[in-house]
């Protein structure tokens, strides 16, 4: 197959996965105009349109969808063949693409990636922050990072760190005005800052103590979808929130937050790195997984 054909097909696959010429270019280390040229050349050679383009969106045509379905296995085999050659290298190299939950990045993923990148200068890492449930294989990622309970059963999961703990927190000013909750049901009398998943689902706060478990559908005037924004809202005194202890601890230690119901908030399985069980592992991913397993 001609080199141009492979280049154009790789550009097509990247645009199809990202639904974006710009992000496809970033993945392939090409300019947006170079990606656009490759797609136009491929469409002209095939005589069909592969994408619907507007100023705001890119989507596959029926022909493009069919080509993508036929192309994915073949491109996967090419990638695996190239990666097999990479096994002969003494050090890992290449691009490692990870789709990670936003809450995991600052305290769980980033410190480990820093150590990994320092040890392996030939590896590049691209992290996409996304709180939705993503098919990492279909979207072209090597691995994902999510809470263990959200990982598909057919994936291999490697703990990214120790167990986590959720905490109920509020600003001292809020507590001075409204008091603290002594039982989870007391939260129904408070202004709670709610969390909405990317799927649209509102999180119900979960509690357990001495074998008793309960789920509270808290109420409040403010609903947010990102932990960092929730932390800022708590600091501003806008209400009570459920956040991960890693995010709250610096502010608790500084006296900028007050915790409550700690005896109702046991640890739970934390974030994991997960990847396809049946797929050949890229050398960069294999080395990163080995580092995580070594602690």
Protein backbone atom coordinates (compact mmCIF):
# COMPACT_ATOMS: atom_id res chain seq x y z
CA UNK A 1 0.00 0.00 0.00
CA UNK A 2 1.33 3.47 -0.88
CA UNK A 3 2.65 5.58 1.99
CA UNK A 4 0.12 8.31 1.19
CA UNK A 5 -2.71 5.80 1.55
CA UNK A 6 -1.54 4.79 5.03
CA UNK A 7 -1.12 8.43 6.06
CA UNK A 8 -4.57 9.35 4.79
CA UNK A 9 -6.20 6.36 6.46
CA UNK A 10 -4.48 7.16 9.76
CA UNK A 11 -5.77 10.75 9.48
CA UNK A 12 -9.27 9.46 8.72
CA UNK A 13 -9.22 7.14 11.75
CA UNK A 14 -8.03 9.93 14.07
CA UNK A 15 -10.68 12.40 12.88
CA UNK A 16 -13.38 9.72 13.15
CA UNK A 17 -12.40 8.93 16.74
CA UNK A 18 -11.97 12.51 17.93
CA UNK A 19 -14.73 14.10 15.81
CA UNK A 20 -12.25 16.94 15.44
CA UNK A 21 -9.58 17.84 12.87
CA UNK A 22 -7.64 19.81 15.47
CA UNK A 23 -7.48 17.00 18.03
CA UNK A 24 -6.67 14.49 15.29
CA UNK A 25 -3.76 16.69 14.24
CA UNK A 26 -2.51 16.89 17.83
CA UNK A 27 -2.52 13.09 18.06
CA UNK A 28 -0.68 12.67 14.74
CA UNK A 29 1.68 15.63 15.27
CA UNK A 30 0.27 17.25 12.11
CA UNK A 31 -1.24 20.66 11.49
CA UNK A 32 -5.00 20.93 11.14
CA UNK A 33 -4.58 21.91 7.51
CA UNK A 34 -2.45 18.82 6.83
CA UNK A 35 -5.15 16.59 8.32
CA UNK A 36 -7.81 18.37 6.28
CA UNK A 37 -5.75 17.88 3.11
CA UNK A 38 -5.35 14.16 3.85
CA UNK A 39 -9.12 13.73 4.31
CA UNK A 40 -9.92 15.64 1.11
CA UNK A 41 -7.40 13.53 -0.83
CA UNK A 42 -8.91 10.32 0.54
CA UNK A 43 -12.46 11.43 -0.29
CA UNK A 44 -11.44 12.40 -3.81
CA UNK A 45 -9.71 9.04 -4.36
CA UNK A 46 -12.73 7.11 -3.05
CA UNK A 47 -15.29 9.35 -4.72
CA UNK A 48 -17.47 9.63 -1.59
CA UNK A 49 -17.80 12.04 1.31
CA UNK A 50 -16.61 10.58 4.62
CA UNK A 51 -17.55 13.39 7.00
CA UNK A 52 -20.34 15.88 7.56
CA UNK A 53 -18.60 19.15 8.45
CA UNK A 54 -20.06 22.28 10.03
CA UNK A 55 -18.34 25.14 11.82
CA UNK A 56 -19.19 23.43 15.13
CA UNK A 57 -19.13 19.70 14.55
CA UNK A 58 -17.67 16.82 12.55
CA UNK A 59 -19.54 13.54 12.09
CA UNK A 60 -19.23 10.48 9.90
CA UNK A 61 -21.37 9.97 6.83
CA UNK A 62 -22.85 6.52 6.25
CA UNK A 63 -19.92 5.73 3.95
CA UNK A 64 -17.48 7.03 6.54
CA UNK A 65 -19.06 4.88 9.24
CA UNK A 66 -18.78 1.79 7.05
CA UNK A 67 -15.14 2.53 6.23
CA UNK A 68 -14.33 3.03 9.92
CA UNK A 69 -15.92 -0.31 10.85
CA UNK A 70 -13.85 -2.12 8.21
CA UNK A 71 -10.69 -0.17 8.93
CA UNK A 72 -10.43 -0.51 12.72
CA UNK A 73 -9.34 -4.18 12.82
CA UNK A 74 -6.76 -3.64 10.08
CA UNK A 75 -5.28 -0.53 11.71
CA UNK A 76 -5.22 -2.38 15.01
CA UNK A 77 -3.17 -5.16 13.41
CA UNK A 78 -0.75 -2.62 11.92
CA UNK A 79 -0.39 -0.95 15.33
CA UNK A 80 0.19 -4.28 17.02
CA UNK A 81 2.82 -5.24 14.44
CA UNK A 82 4.72 -1.99 14.98
CA UNK A 83 4.40 -2.35 18.75
CA UNK A 84 5.77 -5.89 18.53
CA UNK A 85 8.92 -4.44 17.00
CA UNK A 86 9.06 -1.98 19.88
CA UNK A 87 9.45 -4.90 22.28
CA UNK A 88 13.01 -5.29 21.01
CA UNK A 89 13.93 -1.84 22.34
CA UNK A 90 15.78 -1.70 25.63
CA UNK A 91 13.60 1.21 26.79
CA UNK A 92 9.90 1.97 26.17
CA UNK A 93 8.96 4.62 23.63
CA UNK A 94 5.93 6.08 21.90
CA UNK A 95 2.68 7.76 22.89
CA UNK A 96 0.60 6.64 25.87
CA UNK A 97 -2.98 7.96 25.70
CA UNK A 98 -5.06 7.88 28.89
CA UNK A 99 -8.68 8.92 29.44
CA UNK A 100 -9.02 9.84 33.12
CA UNK A 101 -11.71 11.02 35.50
CA UNK A 102 -11.00 14.64 36.42
CA UNK A 103 -10.90 13.98 40.16
CA UNK A 104 -8.15 11.39 39.69
CA UNK A 105 -5.71 13.59 37.79
CA UNK A 106 -4.24 16.05 40.32
CA UNK A 107 -3.69 13.76 43.31
CA UNK A 108 -3.65 10.22 41.88
CA UNK A 109 -2.47 10.20 38.27
CA UNK A 110 -0.19 13.23 37.86
CA UNK A 111 2.36 12.34 40.58
CA UNK A 112 2.78 8.86 39.14
CA UNK A 113 3.05 10.14 35.58
CA UNK A 114 5.73 12.62 36.67
CA UNK A 115 7.86 9.80 38.07
CA UNK A 116 7.19 7.69 34.96
CA UNK A 117 8.15 10.45 32.50
CA UNK A 118 11.32 11.26 34.41
CA UNK A 119 12.37 7.62 34.19
CA UNK A 120 11.46 7.14 30.50
CA UNK A 121 12.41 10.13 28.31
CA UNK A 122 11.36 8.44 25.04
CA UNK A 123 7.71 8.19 26.11
CA UNK A 124 5.07 10.85 25.47
CA UNK A 125 1.82 10.91 27.48
CA UNK A 126 -1.49 12.48 26.54
CA UNK A 127 -4.18 12.66 29.23
CA UNK A 128 -7.79 13.50 28.35
CA UNK A 129 -9.93 14.43 31.36
CA UNK A 130 -13.46 13.11 31.06
CA UNK A 131 -15.98 12.10 33.72
CA UNK A 132 -18.23 10.19 31.33
CA UNK A 133 -18.14 6.43 30.77
CA UNK A 134 -15.88 6.13 27.71
CA UNK A 135 -15.16 3.11 25.52
CA UNK A 136 -11.39 3.49 25.63
CA UNK A 137 -10.83 1.04 22.78
CA UNK A 138 -13.31 2.68 20.39
CA UNK A 139 -12.00 6.15 21.25
CA UNK A 140 -8.39 5.19 20.60
CA UNK A 141 -7.03 5.32 24.17
CA UNK A 142 -4.52 2.89 25.58
CA UNK A 143 -6.04 2.97 29.04
CA UNK A 144 -8.58 4.68 31.26
CA UNK A 145 -8.70 5.84 34.88
CA UNK A 146 -11.96 5.55 36.81
CA UNK A 147 -13.23 4.49 40.21
CA UNK A 148 -13.10 0.71 40.41
CA UNK A 149 -16.90 0.38 40.51
CA UNK A 150 -17.20 1.98 37.05
CA UNK A 151 -14.66 -0.23 35.22
CA UNK A 152 -16.13 -2.68 32.66
CA UNK A 153 -15.79 -6.33 33.67
CA UNK A 154 -13.78 -7.29 30.57
CA UNK A 155 -10.96 -4.88 31.46
CA UNK A 156 -7.79 -5.46 33.49
CA UNK A 157 -7.76 -3.06 36.46
CA UNK A 158 -4.62 -2.01 38.35
CA UNK A 159 -4.97 0.09 41.53
CA UNK A 160 -3.63 3.59 40.96
CA UNK A 161 -3.28 4.26 44.66
CA UNK A 162 -4.67 3.36 48.08
CA UNK A 163 -8.32 3.28 49.10
CA UNK A 164 -10.13 6.61 49.05
CA UNK A 165 -12.49 8.27 51.47
CA UNK A 166 -15.28 10.72 50.87
CA UNK A 167 -15.79 13.57 53.32
CA UNK A 168 -18.71 15.85 54.13
CA UNK A 169 -17.31 19.36 54.42
CA UNK A 170 -18.41 22.95 54.81
CA UNK A 171 -16.78 26.31 55.46
CA UNK A 172 -16.49 27.43 59.12
CA UNK A 173 -18.74 30.41 58.32
CA UNK A 174 -21.46 28.10 57.04
CA UNK A 175 -21.20 25.87 60.12
CA UNK A 176 -21.36 28.87 62.44
CA UNK A 177 -24.66 29.89 60.84
CA UNK A 178 -26.27 26.50 60.17
CA UNK A 179 -24.59 24.03 62.53
CA UNK A 180 -23.26 20.55 61.73
CA UNK A 181 -25.09 17.41 60.69
CA UNK A 182 -24.90 14.73 63.40
CA UNK A 183 -26.63 12.05 61.32
CA UNK A 184 -26.79 11.62 57.52
CA UNK A 185 -30.53 12.39 57.55
CA UNK A 186 -29.72 15.80 59.07
CA UNK A 187 -28.27 16.75 55.69
CA UNK A 188 -31.80 17.07 54.34
CA UNK A 189 -32.02 20.27 56.42
CA UNK A 190 -28.87 21.75 54.89
CA UNK A 191 -27.99 23.51 51.64
CA UNK A 192 -26.03 20.75 49.92
CA UNK A 193 -23.92 21.25 46.81
CA UNK A 194 -24.96 18.44 44.51
CA UNK A 195 -22.82 16.61 41.97
CA UNK A 196 -24.04 15.64 38.51
CA UNK A 197 -22.24 12.96 36.49
CA UNK A 198 -21.52 13.49 32.79
CA UNK A 199 -24.32 10.99 32.13
CA UNK A 200 -26.78 13.40 33.75
CA UNK A 201 -27.21 11.25 36.86
CA UNK A 202 -27.21 13.07 40.22
CA UNK A 203 -24.99 11.47 42.82
CA UNK A 204 -26.74 10.28 45.99
CA UNK A 205 -24.47 10.57 49.01
CA UNK A 206 -23.58 7.19 50.51
CA UNK A 207 -22.91 6.42 54.18
CA UNK A 208 -22.14 3.34 56.28
CA UNK A 209 -21.51 2.65 59.96
CA UNK A 210 -21.65 -0.49 62.12
CA UNK A 211 -23.24 -2.55 59.35
CA UNK A 212 -25.86 0.09 58.56
CA UNK A 213 -25.72 1.64 55.07
CA UNK A 214 -27.84 4.40 53.63
CA UNK A 215 -28.08 6.63 50.60
CA UNK A 216 -29.24 10.23 50.93
CA UNK A 217 -30.67 12.16 47.99
CA UNK A 218 -29.56 15.53 49.32
CA UNK A 219 -31.18 18.78 48.29
CA UNK A 220 -29.64 22.12 47.43
CA UNK A 221 -29.83 25.10 45.13
CA UNK A 222 -26.41 24.55 43.53
CA UNK A 223 -25.47 21.58 41.31
CA UNK A 224 -21.98 21.24 39.83
CA UNK A 225 -20.10 18.65 37.79
CA UNK A 226 -16.43 19.11 38.71
CA UNK A 227 -14.80 18.49 42.07
CA UNK A 228 -12.49 21.50 41.94
CA UNK A 229 -15.46 23.79 41.37
CA UNK A 230 -17.31 22.15 44.27
CA UNK A 231 -14.33 22.74 46.57
CA UNK A 232 -14.29 26.42 45.64
CA UNK A 233 -18.04 26.67 46.29
CA UNK A 234 -17.53 25.16 49.76
CA UNK A 235 -14.75 27.65 50.54
CA UNK A 236 -17.12 30.44 49.48
CA UNK A 237 -19.61 29.24 52.10
CA UNK A 238 -22.28 28.17 49.61
CA UNK A 239 -23.14 24.93 51.36
CA UNK A 240 -22.18 21.40 52.40
CA UNK A 241 -20.48 19.08 49.90
CA UNK A 242 -19.26 15.51 49.50
CA UNK A 243 -15.67 15.53 48.18
CA UNK A 244 -12.71 13.18 48.20
CA UNK A 245 -10.46 13.52 51.23
CA UNK A 246 -7.42 14.17 49.01
CA UNK A 247 -9.12 17.31 47.70
CA UNK A 248 -10.35 18.48 51.10
CA UNK A 249 -7.37 17.66 53.33
CA UNK A 250 -5.24 20.79 52.63
CA UNK A 251 -8.19 23.04 53.47
CA UNK A 252 -9.14 21.02 56.56
CA UNK A 253 -5.57 21.25 57.84
CA UNK A 254 -5.56 25.02 57.17
CA UNK A 255 -8.84 25.53 59.03
CA UNK A 256 -10.66 26.65 55.89
CA UNK A 257 -13.06 23.70 56.00
CA UNK A 258 -14.84 21.74 58.70
CA UNK A 259 -15.70 18.05 58.31
CA UNK A 260 -18.75 16.24 59.66
CA UNK A 261 -20.09 12.68 59.79
CA UNK A 262 -16.58 11.21 59.59
CA UNK A 263 -17.70 8.06 61.43
CA UNK A 264 -20.25 7.53 58.63
CA UNK A 265 -17.64 7.76 55.85
CA UNK A 266 -15.53 4.57 55.61
CA UNK A 267 -12.85 4.11 52.93
CA UNK A 268 -13.77 2.61 49.56
CA UNK A 269 -11.91 1.15 46.57
CA UNK A 270 -10.13 4.00 44.84
CA UNK A 271 -9.13 4.85 41.29
CA UNK A 272 -7.70 2.21 38.97
CA UNK A 273 -5.92 2.25 35.64
CA UNK A 274 -7.71 -0.14 33.30
CA UNK A 275 -6.97 -1.48 29.82
CA UNK A 276 -8.28 -4.16 27.40
CA UNK A 277 -7.60 -7.74 28.43
CA UNK A 278 -7.29 -9.18 24.91
CA UNK A 279 -5.17 -6.48 23.32
CA UNK A 280 -1.39 -6.48 22.96
CA UNK A 281 0.01 -3.91 25.36
CA UNK A 282 2.11 -1.05 24.06
CA UNK A 283 5.56 -0.96 25.65
CA UNK A 284 4.85 2.41 27.31
CA UNK A 285 1.62 1.12 28.88
CA UNK A 286 3.25 -2.13 29.99
CA UNK A 287 6.07 -0.24 31.69
CA UNK A 288 3.64 2.16 33.39
CA UNK A 289 1.53 -0.76 34.65
CA UNK A 290 4.66 -2.49 35.98
CA UNK A 291 5.56 0.69 37.86
CA UNK A 292 2.10 0.88 39.43
CA UNK A 293 2.22 -2.77 40.48
CA UNK A 294 5.62 -2.24 42.09
CA UNK A 295 4.04 0.54 44.16
